Amino acid sequence: GLVQAGGSLRLSCTASGRTFSSYGMGWFRQAPGKEREFVAGISW
């Protein structure tokens, strides 16, 4: 969403489907005219 500088947001990501293995999760971001970049990662 839209937030003022200094503010906060919480993004959520929900997985579905059959999962038979553990997995790490990553967050990436892409700004206009820029390459997609790594932001954060978390182990299973």
PDB file of all heavy atoms in Angstrom:
ATOM      1  N   GLY A   1       0.815  -1.195   0.000  1.00  0.00           N
ATOM      2  CA  GLY A   1       0.000   0.000   0.000  1.00  0.00           C
ATOM      3  C   GLY A   1       0.850   1.246   0.000  1.00  0.00           C
ATOM      4  O   GLY A   1       2.058   1.200  -0.228  1.00  0.00           O
ATOM      5  N   LEU A   2       0.192   2.364   0.254  1.00  0.00           N
ATOM      6  CA  LEU A   2       0.849   3.666   0.295  1.00  0.00           C
ATOM      7  C   LEU A   2       1.052   4.073   1.747  1.00  0.00           C
ATOM      8  O   LEU A   2       0.111   4.037   2.544  1.00  0.00           O
ATOM      9  CB  LEU A   2       0.002   4.705  -0.433  1.00  0.00           C
ATOM     10  CG  LEU A   2       0.479   6.155  -0.394  1.00  0.00           C
ATOM     11  CD1 LEU A   2       1.818   6.296  -1.106  1.00  0.00           C
ATOM     12  CD2 LEU A   2      -0.567   7.065  -1.019  1.00  0.00           C
ATOM     13  N   VAL A   3       2.268   4.463   2.078  1.00  0.00           N
ATOM     14  CA  VAL A   3       2.586   4.851   3.442  1.00  0.00           C
ATOM     15  C   VAL A   3       3.544   6.037   3.421  1.00  0.00           C
ATOM     16  O   VAL A   3       4.332   6.187   2.485  1.00  0.00           O
ATOM     17  CB  VAL A   3       3.194   3.665   4.226  1.00  0.00           C
ATOM     18  CG1 VAL A   3       4.540   3.263   3.636  1.00  0.00           C
ATOM     19  CG2 VAL A   3       3.318   3.989   5.702  1.00  0.00           C
ATOM     20  N   GLN A   4       3.460   6.875   4.430  1.00  0.00           N
ATOM     21  CA  GLN A   4       4.366   8.012   4.537  1.00  0.00           C
ATOM     22  C   GLN A   4       5.742   7.558   5.013  1.00  0.00           C
ATOM     23  O   GLN A   4       5.876   6.540   5.695  1.00  0.00           O
ATOM     24  CB  GLN A   4       3.815   9.046   5.513  1.00  0.00           C
ATOM     25  CG  GLN A   4       2.502   9.674   5.100  1.00  0.00           C
ATOM     26  CD  GLN A   4       2.006  10.683   6.114  1.00  0.00           C
ATOM     27  OE1 GLN A   4       2.779  11.493   6.635  1.00  0.00           O
ATOM     28  NE2 GLN A   4       0.721  10.646   6.392  1.00  0.00           N
ATOM     29  N   ALA A   5       6.755   8.312   4.643  1.00  0.00           N
ATOM     30  CA  ALA A   5       8.102   8.023   5.113  1.00  0.00           C
ATOM     31  C   ALA A   5       8.123   7.950   6.634  1.00  0.00           C
ATOM     32  O   ALA A   5       7.523   8.776   7.321  1.00  0.00           O
ATOM     33  CB  ALA A   5       9.079   9.078   4.617  1.00  0.00           C
ATOM     34  N   GLY A   6       8.812   6.941   7.152  1.00  0.00           N
ATOM     35  CA  GLY A   6       8.856   6.709   8.585  1.00  0.00           C
ATOM     36  C   GLY A   6       7.784   5.770   9.089  1.00  0.00           C
ATOM     37  O   GLY A   6       7.847   5.318  10.244  1.00  0.00           O
ATOM     38  N   GLY A   7       6.827   5.450   8.243  1.00  0.00           N
ATOM     39  CA  GLY A   7       5.743   4.566   8.624  1.00  0.00           C
ATOM     40  C   GLY A   7       6.103   3.103   8.479  1.00  0.00           C
ATOM     41  O   GLY A   7       7.239   2.747   8.156  1.00  0.00           O
ATOM     42  N   SER A   8       5.105   2.249   8.700  1.00  0.00           N
ATOM     43  CA  SER A   8       5.325   0.809   8.698  1.00  0.00           C
ATOM     44  C   SER A   8       4.279   0.091   7.861  1.00  0.00           C
ATOM     45  O   SER A   8       3.145   0.557   7.715  1.00  0.00           O
ATOM     46  CB  SER A   8       5.272   0.253  10.125  1.00  0.00           C
ATOM     47  OG  SER A   8       6.281   0.809  10.939  1.00  0.00           O
ATOM     48  N   LEU A   9       4.662  -1.045   7.334  1.00  0.00           N
ATOM     49  CA  LEU A   9       3.765  -1.959   6.649  1.00  0.00           C
ATOM     50  C   LEU A   9       4.184  -3.377   6.990  1.00  0.00           C
ATOM     51  O   LEU A   9       5.355  -3.631   7.269  1.00  0.00           O
ATOM     52  CB  LEU A   9       3.813  -1.779   5.131  1.00  0.00           C
ATOM     53  CG  LEU A   9       3.109  -0.576   4.504  1.00  0.00           C
ATOM     54  CD1 LEU A   9       3.426  -0.514   3.020  1.00  0.00           C
ATOM     55  CD2 LEU A   9       1.604  -0.659   4.722  1.00  0.00           C
ATOM     56  N   ARG A  10       3.237  -4.295   6.954  1.00  0.00           N
ATOM     57  CA  ARG A  10       3.544  -5.702   7.118  1.00  0.00           C
ATOM     58  C   ARG A  10       3.010  -6.475   5.930  1.00  0.00           C
ATOM     59  O   ARG A  10       1.805  -6.474   5.664  1.00  0.00           O
ATOM     60  CB  ARG A  10       2.948  -6.274   8.411  1.00  0.00           C
ATOM     61  CG  ARG A  10       3.390  -7.717   8.673  1.00  0.00           C
ATOM     62  CD  ARG A  10       2.804  -8.287   9.937  1.00  0.00           C
ATOM     63  NE  ARG A  10       1.366  -8.504   9.828  1.00  0.00           N
ATOM     64  CZ  ARG A  10       0.645  -9.216  10.690  1.00  0.00           C
ATOM     65  NH1 ARG A  10       1.250  -9.781  11.743  1.00  0.00           N
ATOM     66  NH2 ARG A  10      -0.660  -9.347  10.526  1.00  0.00           N
ATOM     67  N   LEU A  11       3.905  -7.114   5.213  1.00  0.00           N
ATOM     68  CA  LEU A  11       3.535  -7.942   4.086  1.00  0.00           C
ATOM     69  C   LEU A  11       3.330  -9.378   4.547  1.00  0.00           C
ATOM     70  O   LEU A  11       4.052  -9.869   5.406  1.00  0.00           O
ATOM     71  CB  LEU A  11       4.616  -7.912   3.003  1.00  0.00           C
ATOM     72  CG  LEU A  11       5.045  -6.535   2.498  1.00  0.00           C
ATOM     73  CD1 LEU A  11       6.056  -6.692   1.363  1.00  0.00           C
ATOM     74  CD2 LEU A  11       3.850  -5.712   2.046  1.00  0.00           C
ATOM     75  N   SER A  12       2.343 -10.033   3.974  1.00  0.00           N
ATOM     76  CA  SER A  12       2.062 -11.425   4.286  1.00  0.00           C
ATOM     77  C   SER A  12       2.154 -12.258   3.017  1.00  0.00           C
ATOM     78  O   SER A  12       1.817 -11.796   1.930  1.00  0.00           O
ATOM     79  CB  SER A  12       0.665 -11.581   4.891  1.00  0.00           C
ATOM     80  OG  SER A  12       0.538 -10.874   6.099  1.00  0.00           O
ATOM     81  N   CYS A  13       2.591 -13.489   3.174  1.00  0.00           N
ATOM     82  CA  CYS A  13       2.688 -14.422   2.060  1.00  0.00           C
ATOM     83  C   CYS A  13       2.225 -15.784   2.549  1.00  0.00           C
ATOM     84  O   CYS A  13       2.829 -16.357   3.460  1.00  0.00           O
ATOM     85  CB  CYS A  13       4.124 -14.480   1.538  1.00  0.00           C
ATOM     86  SG  CYS A  13       4.393 -15.639   0.183  1.00  0.00           S
ATOM     87  N   THR A  14       1.170 -16.297   1.945  1.00  0.00           N
ATOM     88  CA  THR A  14       0.599 -17.573   2.349  1.00  0.00           C
ATOM     89  C   THR A  14       0.791 -18.607   1.251  1.00  0.00           C
ATOM     90  O   THR A  14       0.489 -18.346   0.084  1.00  0.00           O
ATOM     91  CB  THR A  14      -0.894 -17.429   2.677  1.00  0.00           C
ATOM     92  OG1 THR A  14      -1.062 -16.502   3.752  1.00  0.00           O
ATOM     93  CG2 THR A  14      -1.485 -18.768   3.092  1.00  0.00           C
ATOM     94  N   ALA A  15       1.288 -19.767   1.638  1.00  0.00           N
ATOM     95  CA  ALA A  15       1.546 -20.847   0.698  1.00  0.00           C
ATOM     96  C   ALA A  15       0.412 -21.861   0.723  1.00  0.00           C
ATOM     97  O   ALA A  15      -0.184 -22.132   1.767  1.00  0.00           O
ATOM     98  CB  ALA A  15       2.859 -21.544   1.030  1.00  0.00           C
ATOM     99  N   SER A  16       0.133 -22.427  -0.431  1.00  0.00           N
ATOM    100  CA  SER A  16      -0.862 -23.481  -0.538  1.00  0.00           C
ATOM    101  C   SER A  16      -0.366 -24.548  -1.505  1.00  0.00           C
ATOM    102  O   SER A  16       0.636 -24.362  -2.192  1.00  0.00           O
ATOM    103  CB  SER A  16      -2.210 -22.925  -0.994  1.00  0.00           C
ATOM    104  OG  SER A  16      -2.117 -22.350  -2.286  1.00  0.00           O
ATOM    105  N   GLY A  17      -1.080 -25.656  -1.558  1.00  0.00           N
ATOM    106  CA  GLY A  17      -0.660 -26.772  -2.375  1.00  0.00           C
ATOM    107  C   GLY A  17       0.083 -27.800  -1.539  1.00  0.00           C
ATOM    108  O   GLY A  17       0.464 -27.534  -0.398  1.00  0.00           O
ATOM    109  N   ARG A  18       0.290 -28.947  -2.110  1.00  0.00           N
ATOM    110  CA  ARG A  18       0.983 -30.012  -1.390  1.00  0.00           C
ATOM    111  C   ARG A  18       2.470 -29.707  -1.280  1.00  0.00           C
ATOM    112  O   ARG A  18       3.140 -29.435  -2.277  1.00  0.00           O
ATOM    113  CB  ARG A  18       0.781 -31.348  -2.097  1.00  0.00           C
ATOM    114  CG  ARG A  18      -0.627 -31.911  -1.949  1.00  0.00           C
ATOM    115  CD  ARG A  18      -0.704 -33.335  -2.450  1.00  0.00           C
ATOM    116  NE  ARG A  18      -2.010 -33.931  -2.204  1.00  0.00           N
ATOM    117  CZ  ARG A  18      -2.313 -35.193  -2.451  1.00  0.00           C
ATOM    118  NH1 ARG A  18      -1.404 -35.996  -2.976  1.00  0.00           N
ATOM    119  NH2 ARG A  18      -3.531 -35.648  -2.196  1.00  0.00           N
ATOM    120  N   THR A  19       2.949 -29.754  -0.062  1.00  0.00           N
ATOM    121  CA  THR A  19       4.358 -29.513   0.216  1.00  0.00           C
ATOM    122  C   THR A  19       4.923 -30.724   0.949  1.00  0.00           C
ATOM    123  O   THR A  19       4.463 -31.065   2.040  1.00  0.00           O
ATOM    124  CB  THR A  19       4.542 -28.254   1.057  1.00  0.00           C
ATOM    125  OG1 THR A  19       3.986 -27.133   0.363  1.00  0.00           O
ATOM    126  CG2 THR A  19       6.020 -27.997   1.305  1.00  0.00           C
ATOM    127  N   PHE A  20       5.905 -31.362   0.356  1.00  0.00           N
ATOM    128  CA  PHE A  20       6.510 -32.558   0.935  1.00  0.00           C
ATOM    129  C   PHE A  20       7.927 -32.331   1.424  1.00  0.00           C
ATOM    130  O   PHE A  20       8.561 -33.250   1.938  1.00  0.00           O
ATOM    131  CB  PHE A  20       6.488 -33.704  -0.088  1.00  0.00           C
ATOM    132  CG  PHE A  20       5.114 -34.066  -0.550  1.00  0.00           C
ATOM    133  CD1 PHE A  20       4.640 -33.633  -1.769  1.00  0.00           C
ATOM    134  CD2 PHE A  20       4.298 -34.845   0.247  1.00  0.00           C
ATOM    135  CE1 PHE A  20       3.366 -33.961  -2.197  1.00  0.00           C
ATOM    136  CE2 PHE A  20       3.018 -35.185  -0.165  1.00  0.00           C
ATOM    137  CZ  PHE A  20       2.550 -34.736  -1.401  1.00  0.00           C
ATOM    138  N   SER A  21       8.417 -31.125   1.259  1.00  0.00           N
ATOM    139  CA  SER A  21       9.758 -30.781   1.701  1.00  0.00           C
ATOM    140  C   SER A  21       9.735 -29.430   2.392  1.00  0.00           C
ATOM    141  O   SER A  21       8.875 -28.596   2.127  1.00  0.00           O
ATOM    142  CB  SER A  21      10.731 -30.725   0.521  1.00  0.00           C
ATOM    143  OG  SER A  21      10.795 -31.965  -0.158  1.00  0.00           O
ATOM    144  N   SER A  22      10.686 -29.231   3.270  1.00  0.00           N
ATOM    145  CA  SER A  22      10.844 -27.926   3.890  1.00  0.00           C
ATOM    146  C   SER A  22      11.415 -26.942   2.871  1.00  0.00           C
ATOM    147  O   SER A  22      12.018 -27.348   1.868  1.00  0.00           O
ATOM    148  CB  SER A  22      11.762 -28.027   5.107  1.00  0.00           C
ATOM    149  OG  SER A  22      13.042 -28.502   4.731  1.00  0.00           O
ATOM    150  N   TYR A  23      11.211 -25.663   3.125  1.00  0.00           N
ATOM    151  CA  TYR A  23      11.681 -24.673   2.175  1.00  0.00           C
ATOM    152  C   TYR A  23      12.007 -23.369   2.882  1.00  0.00           C
ATOM    153  O   TYR A  23      11.356 -22.995   3.849  1.00  0.00           O
ATOM    154  CB  TYR A  23      10.643 -24.428   1.072  1.00  0.00           C
ATOM    155  CG  TYR A  23       9.241 -24.139   1.581  1.00  0.00           C
ATOM    156  CD1 TYR A  23       8.818 -22.846   1.825  1.00  0.00           C
ATOM    157  CD2 TYR A  23       8.339 -25.179   1.803  1.00  0.00           C
ATOM    158  CE1 TYR A  23       7.534 -22.588   2.289  1.00  0.00           C
ATOM    159  CE2 TYR A  23       7.059 -24.929   2.261  1.00  0.00           C
ATOM    160  CZ  TYR A  23       6.662 -23.630   2.500  1.00  0.00           C
ATOM    161  OH  TYR A  23       5.388 -23.373   2.955  1.00  0.00           O
ATOM    162  N   GLY A  24      13.020 -22.712   2.374  1.00  0.00           N
ATOM    163  CA  GLY A  24      13.316 -21.373   2.811  1.00  0.00           C
ATOM    164  C   GLY A  24      12.440 -20.393   2.055  1.00  0.00           C
ATOM    165  O   GLY A  24      11.960 -20.678   0.959  1.00  0.00           O
ATOM    166  N   MET A  25      12.234 -19.236   2.636  1.00  0.00           N
ATOM    167  CA  MET A  25      11.418 -18.203   2.002  1.00  0.00           C
ATOM    168  C   MET A  25      12.218 -16.923   1.869  1.00  0.00           C
ATOM    169  O   MET A  25      12.937 -16.532   2.788  1.00  0.00           O
ATOM    170  CB  MET A  25      10.149 -17.937   2.804  1.00  0.00           C
ATOM    171  CG  MET A  25       9.145 -19.078   2.779  1.00  0.00           C
ATOM    172  SD  MET A  25       8.413 -19.318   1.121  1.00  0.00           S
ATOM    173  CE  MET A  25       7.590 -17.732   0.881  1.00  0.00           C
ATOM    174  N   GLY A  26      12.083 -16.299   0.728  1.00  0.00           N
ATOM    175  CA  GLY A  26      12.775 -15.053   0.471  1.00  0.00           C
ATOM    176  C   GLY A  26      11.823 -13.944   0.090  1.00  0.00           C
ATOM    177  O   GLY A  26      10.702 -14.189  -0.374  1.00  0.00           O
ATOM    178  N   TRP A  27      12.259 -12.735   0.324  1.00  0.00           N
ATOM    179  CA  TRP A  27      11.557 -11.540  -0.123  1.00  0.00           C
ATOM    180  C   TRP A  27      12.473 -10.772  -1.063  1.00  0.00           C
ATOM    181  O   TRP A  27      13.642 -10.531  -0.746  1.00  0.00           O
ATOM    182  CB  TRP A  27      11.164 -10.644   1.056  1.00  0.00           C
ATOM    183  CG  TRP A  27      10.093 -11.231   1.932  1.00  0.00           C
ATOM    184  CD1 TRP A  27      10.256 -11.964   3.059  1.00  0.00           C
ATOM    185  CD2 TRP A  27       8.679 -11.101   1.744  1.00  0.00           C
ATOM    186  NE1 TRP A  27       9.046 -12.316   3.589  1.00  0.00           N
ATOM    187  CE2 TRP A  27       8.054 -11.799   2.803  1.00  0.00           C
ATOM    188  CE3 TRP A  27       7.879 -10.470   0.789  1.00  0.00           C
ATOM    189  CZ2 TRP A  27       6.664 -11.881   2.929  1.00  0.00           C
ATOM    190  CZ3 TRP A  27       6.498 -10.551   0.916  1.00  0.00           C
ATOM    191  CH2 TRP A  27       5.916 -11.251   1.978  1.00  0.00           C
ATOM    192  N   PHE A  28      11.945 -10.409  -2.210  1.00  0.00           N
ATOM    193  CA  PHE A  28      12.658  -9.619  -3.199  1.00  0.00           C
ATOM    194  C   PHE A  28      11.821  -8.400  -3.555  1.00  0.00           C
ATOM    195  O   PHE A  28      10.615  -8.371  -3.318  1.00  0.00           O
ATOM    196  CB  PHE A  28      12.941 -10.446  -4.455  1.00  0.00           C
ATOM    197  CG  PHE A  28      13.910 -11.580  -4.246  1.00  0.00           C
ATOM    198  CD1 PHE A  28      13.504 -12.760  -3.646  1.00  0.00           C
ATOM    199  CD2 PHE A  28      15.224 -11.468  -4.656  1.00  0.00           C
ATOM    200  CE1 PHE A  28      14.382 -13.808  -3.444  1.00  0.00           C
ATOM    201  CE2 PHE A  28      16.124 -12.506  -4.471  1.00  0.00           C
ATOM    202  CZ  PHE A  28      15.703 -13.673  -3.861  1.00  0.00           C
ATOM    203  N   ARG A  29      12.462  -7.412  -4.139  1.00  0.00           N
ATOM    204  CA  ARG A  29      11.720  -6.238  -4.586  1.00  0.00           C
ATOM    205  C   ARG A  29      12.297  -5.741  -5.899  1.00  0.00           C
ATOM    206  O   ARG A  29      13.464  -5.964  -6.214  1.00  0.00           O
ATOM    207  CB  ARG A  29      11.748  -5.119  -3.536  1.00  0.00           C
ATOM    208  CG  ARG A  29      13.124  -4.514  -3.278  1.00  0.00           C
ATOM    209  CD  ARG A  29      13.062  -3.550  -2.110  1.00  0.00           C
ATOM    210  NE  ARG A  29      14.355  -2.940  -1.834  1.00  0.00           N
ATOM    211  CZ  ARG A  29      14.612  -2.191  -0.770  1.00  0.00           C
ATOM    212  NH1 ARG A  29      13.655  -1.951   0.128  1.00  0.00           N
ATOM    213  NH2 ARG A  29      15.819  -1.677  -0.601  1.00  0.00           N
ATOM    214  N   GLN A  30      11.446  -5.067  -6.652  1.00  0.00           N
ATOM    215  CA  GLN A  30      11.864  -4.514  -7.929  1.00  0.00           C
ATOM    216  C   GLN A  30      11.239  -3.142  -8.117  1.00  0.00           C
ATOM    217  O   GLN A  30      10.016  -3.006  -8.117  1.00  0.00           O
ATOM    218  CB  GLN A  30      11.481  -5.437  -9.085  1.00  0.00           C
ATOM    219  CG  GLN A  30      12.047  -5.003 -10.422  1.00  0.00           C
ATOM    220  CD  GLN A  30      11.926  -6.086 -11.475  1.00  0.00           C
ATOM    221  OE1 GLN A  30      11.047  -6.938 -11.403  1.00  0.00           O
ATOM    222  NE2 GLN A  30      12.817  -6.059 -12.448  1.00  0.00           N
ATOM    223  N   ALA A  31      12.083  -2.145  -8.255  1.00  0.00           N
ATOM    224  CA  ALA A  31      11.650  -0.785  -8.519  1.00  0.00           C
ATOM    225  C   ALA A  31      11.706  -0.526 -10.015  1.00  0.00           C
ATOM    226  O   ALA A  31      12.450  -1.194 -10.744  1.00  0.00           O
ATOM    227  CB  ALA A  31      12.531   0.207  -7.767  1.00  0.00           C
ATOM    228  N   PRO A  32      10.938   0.447 -10.521  1.00  0.00           N
ATOM    229  CA  PRO A  32      10.954   0.748 -11.950  1.00  0.00           C
ATOM    230  C   PRO A  32      12.356   1.035 -12.460  1.00  0.00           C
ATOM    231  O   PRO A  32      13.095   1.826 -11.874  1.00  0.00           O
ATOM    232  CB  PRO A  32      10.060   1.986 -12.057  1.00  0.00           C
ATOM    233  CG  PRO A  32       9.128   1.867 -10.900  1.00  0.00           C
ATOM    234  CD  PRO A  32       9.966   1.281  -9.790  1.00  0.00           C
ATOM    235  N   GLY A  33      12.728   0.376 -13.539  1.00  0.00           N
ATOM    236  CA  GLY A  33      14.027   0.594 -14.146  1.00  0.00           C
ATOM    237  C   GLY A  33      15.185  -0.052 -13.428  1.00  0.00           C
ATOM    238  O   GLY A  33      16.342   0.164 -13.815  1.00  0.00           O
ATOM    239  N   LYS A  34      14.921  -0.842 -12.391  1.00  0.00           N
ATOM    240  CA  LYS A  34      15.982  -1.478 -11.636  1.00  0.00           C
ATOM    241  C   LYS A  34      15.817  -2.995 -11.647  1.00  0.00           C
ATOM    242  O   LYS A  34      14.732  -3.518 -11.900  1.00  0.00           O
ATOM    243  CB  LYS A  34      16.003  -0.972 -10.192  1.00  0.00           C
ATOM    244  CG  LYS A  34      16.238   0.519 -10.058  1.00  0.00           C
ATOM    245  CD  LYS A  34      16.304   0.952  -8.610  1.00  0.00           C
ATOM    246  CE  LYS A  34      17.519   0.381  -7.909  1.00  0.00           C
ATOM    247  NZ  LYS A  34      17.626   0.879  -6.501  1.00  0.00           N
ATOM    248  N   GLU A  35      16.911  -3.687 -11.378  1.00  0.00           N
ATOM    249  CA  GLU A  35      16.884  -5.144 -11.301  1.00  0.00           C
ATOM    250  C   GLU A  35      16.201  -5.597 -10.020  1.00  0.00           C
ATOM    251  O   GLU A  35      16.202  -4.894  -9.007  1.00  0.00           O
ATOM    252  CB  GLU A  35      18.306  -5.701 -11.355  1.00  0.00           C
ATOM    253  CG  GLU A  35      19.035  -5.453 -12.664  1.00  0.00           C
ATOM    254  CD  GLU A  35      18.446  -6.247 -13.800  1.00  0.00           C
ATOM    255  OE1 GLU A  35      18.058  -7.415 -13.579  1.00  0.00           O
ATOM    256  OE2 GLU A  35      18.356  -5.712 -14.907  1.00  0.00           O
ATOM    257  N   ARG A  36      15.621  -6.777 -10.081  1.00  0.00           N
ATOM    258  CA  ARG A  36      15.050  -7.360  -8.883  1.00  0.00           C
ATOM    259  C   ARG A  36      16.172  -7.651  -7.888  1.00  0.00           C
ATOM    260  O   ARG A  36      17.201  -8.225  -8.254  1.00  0.00           O
ATOM    261  CB  ARG A  36      14.298  -8.643  -9.231  1.00  0.00           C
ATOM    262  CG  ARG A  36      13.539  -9.254  -8.073  1.00  0.00           C
ATOM    263  CD  ARG A  36      12.630 -10.387  -8.539  1.00  0.00           C
ATOM    264  NE  ARG A  36      11.635  -9.917  -9.492  1.00  0.00           N
ATOM    265  CZ  ARG A  36      10.656 -10.681  -9.976  1.00  0.00           C
ATOM    266  NH1 ARG A  36      10.544 -11.944  -9.594  1.00  0.00           N
ATOM    267  NH2 ARG A  36       9.804 -10.172 -10.860  1.00  0.00           N
ATOM    268  N   GLU A  37      15.975  -7.255  -6.640  1.00  0.00           N
ATOM    269  CA  GLU A  37      17.015  -7.417  -5.644  1.00  0.00           C
ATOM    270  C   GLU A  37      16.513  -8.170  -4.421  1.00  0.00           C
ATOM    271  O   GLU A  37      15.347  -8.087  -4.043  1.00  0.00           O
ATOM    272  CB  GLU A  37      17.579  -6.055  -5.209  1.00  0.00           C
ATOM    273  CG  GLU A  37      16.600  -5.171  -4.466  1.00  0.00           C
ATOM    274  CD  GLU A  37      17.236  -3.929  -3.876  1.00  0.00           C
ATOM    275  OE1 GLU A  37      18.470  -3.889  -3.735  1.00  0.00           O
ATOM    276  OE2 GLU A  37      16.487  -2.984  -3.545  1.00  0.00           O
ATOM    277  N   PHE A  38      17.421  -8.874  -3.792  1.00  0.00           N
ATOM    278  CA  PHE A  38      17.130  -9.588  -2.562  1.00  0.00           C
ATOM    279  C   PHE A  38      16.894  -8.608  -1.430  1.00  0.00           C
ATOM    280  O   PHE A  38      17.611  -7.616  -1.296  1.00  0.00           O
ATOM    281  CB  PHE A  38      18.292 -10.517  -2.215  1.00  0.00           C
ATOM    282  CG  PHE A  38      18.232 -11.071  -0.828  1.00  0.00           C
ATOM    283  CD1 PHE A  38      17.375 -12.114  -0.518  1.00  0.00           C
ATOM    284  CD2 PHE A  38      19.026 -10.556   0.179  1.00  0.00           C
ATOM    285  CE1 PHE A  38      17.307 -12.629   0.760  1.00  0.00           C
ATOM    286  CE2 PHE A  38      18.971 -11.059   1.462  1.00  0.00           C
ATOM    287  CZ  PHE A  38      18.106 -12.101   1.748  1.00  0.00           C
ATOM    288  N   VAL A  39      15.900  -8.881  -0.612  1.00  0.00           N
ATOM    289  CA  VAL A  39      15.588  -8.049   0.542  1.00  0.00           C
ATOM    290  C   VAL A  39      15.806  -8.812   1.843  1.00  0.00           C
ATOM    291  O   VAL A  39      16.527  -8.355   2.730  1.00  0.00           O
ATOM    292  CB  VAL A  39      14.141  -7.527   0.494  1.00  0.00           C
ATOM    293  CG1 VAL A  39      13.819  -6.714   1.752  1.00  0.00           C
ATOM    294  CG2 VAL A  39      13.919  -6.692  -0.754  1.00  0.00           C
ATOM    295  N   ALA A  40      15.171  -9.967   1.977  1.00  0.00           N
ATOM    296  CA  ALA A  40      15.253 -10.737   3.208  1.00  0.00           C
ATOM    297  C   ALA A  40      15.022 -12.206   2.913  1.00  0.00           C
ATOM    298  O   ALA A  40      14.370 -12.565   1.939  1.00  0.00           O
ATOM    299  CB  ALA A  40      14.228 -10.240   4.231  1.00  0.00           C
ATOM    300  N   GLY A  41      15.553 -13.051   3.778  1.00  0.00           N
ATOM    301  CA  GLY A  41      15.335 -14.481   3.675  1.00  0.00           C
ATOM    302  C   GLY A  41      15.176 -15.081   5.049  1.00  0.00           C
ATOM    303  O   GLY A  41      15.665 -14.541   6.042  1.00  0.00           O
ATOM    304  N   ILE A  42      14.480 -16.208   5.116  1.00  0.00           N
ATOM    305  CA  ILE A  42      14.274 -16.890   6.387  1.00  0.00           C
ATOM    306  C   ILE A  42      14.290 -18.388   6.152  1.00  0.00           C
ATOM    307  O   ILE A  42      13.674 -18.892   5.205  1.00  0.00           O
ATOM    308  CB  ILE A  42      12.964 -16.418   7.064  1.00  0.00           C
ATOM    309  CG1 ILE A  42      12.797 -17.062   8.439  1.00  0.00           C
ATOM    310  CG2 ILE A  42      11.754 -16.683   6.167  1.00  0.00           C
ATOM    311  CD1 ILE A  42      11.693 -16.422   9.266  1.00  0.00           C
ATOM    312  N   SER A  43      15.016 -19.109   6.989  1.00  0.00           N
ATOM    313  CA  SER A  43      15.102 -20.556   6.862  1.00  0.00           C
ATOM    314  C   SER A  43      13.776 -21.205   7.223  1.00  0.00           C
ATOM    315  O   SER A  43      12.883 -20.573   7.796  1.00  0.00           O
ATOM    316  CB  SER A  43      16.215 -21.097   7.765  1.00  0.00           C
ATOM    317  OG  SER A  43      15.893 -20.900   9.134  1.00  0.00           O
ATOM    318  N   TRP A  44      13.635 -22.491   6.902  1.00  0.00           N
ATOM    319  CA  TRP A  44      12.389 -23.204   7.186  1.00  0.00           C
ATOM    320  C   TRP A  44      12.055 -23.168   8.676  1.00  0.00           C
ATOM    321  O   TRP A  44      10.887 -23.023   9.045  1.00  0.00           O
ATOM    322  CB  TRP A  44      12.496 -24.652   6.693  1.00  0.00           C
ATOM    323  CG  TRP A  44      11.267 -25.463   6.966  1.00  0.00           C
ATOM    324  CD1 TRP A  44      10.128 -25.497   6.231  1.00  0.00           C
ATOM    325  CD2 TRP A  44      11.053 -26.352   8.067  1.00  0.00           C
ATOM    326  NE1 TRP A  44       9.213 -26.355   6.790  1.00  0.00           N
ATOM    327  CE2 TRP A  44       9.752 -26.896   7.926  1.00  0.00           C
ATOM    328  CE3 TRP A  44      11.829 -26.751   9.153  1.00  0.00           C
ATOM    329  CZ2 TRP A  44       9.218 -27.808   8.829  1.00  0.00           C
ATOM    330  CZ3 TRP A  44      11.294 -27.659  10.057  1.00  0.00           C
ATOM    331  CH2 TRP A  44      10.013 -28.172   9.888  1.00  0.00           C
TER     332      TRP A  44
END
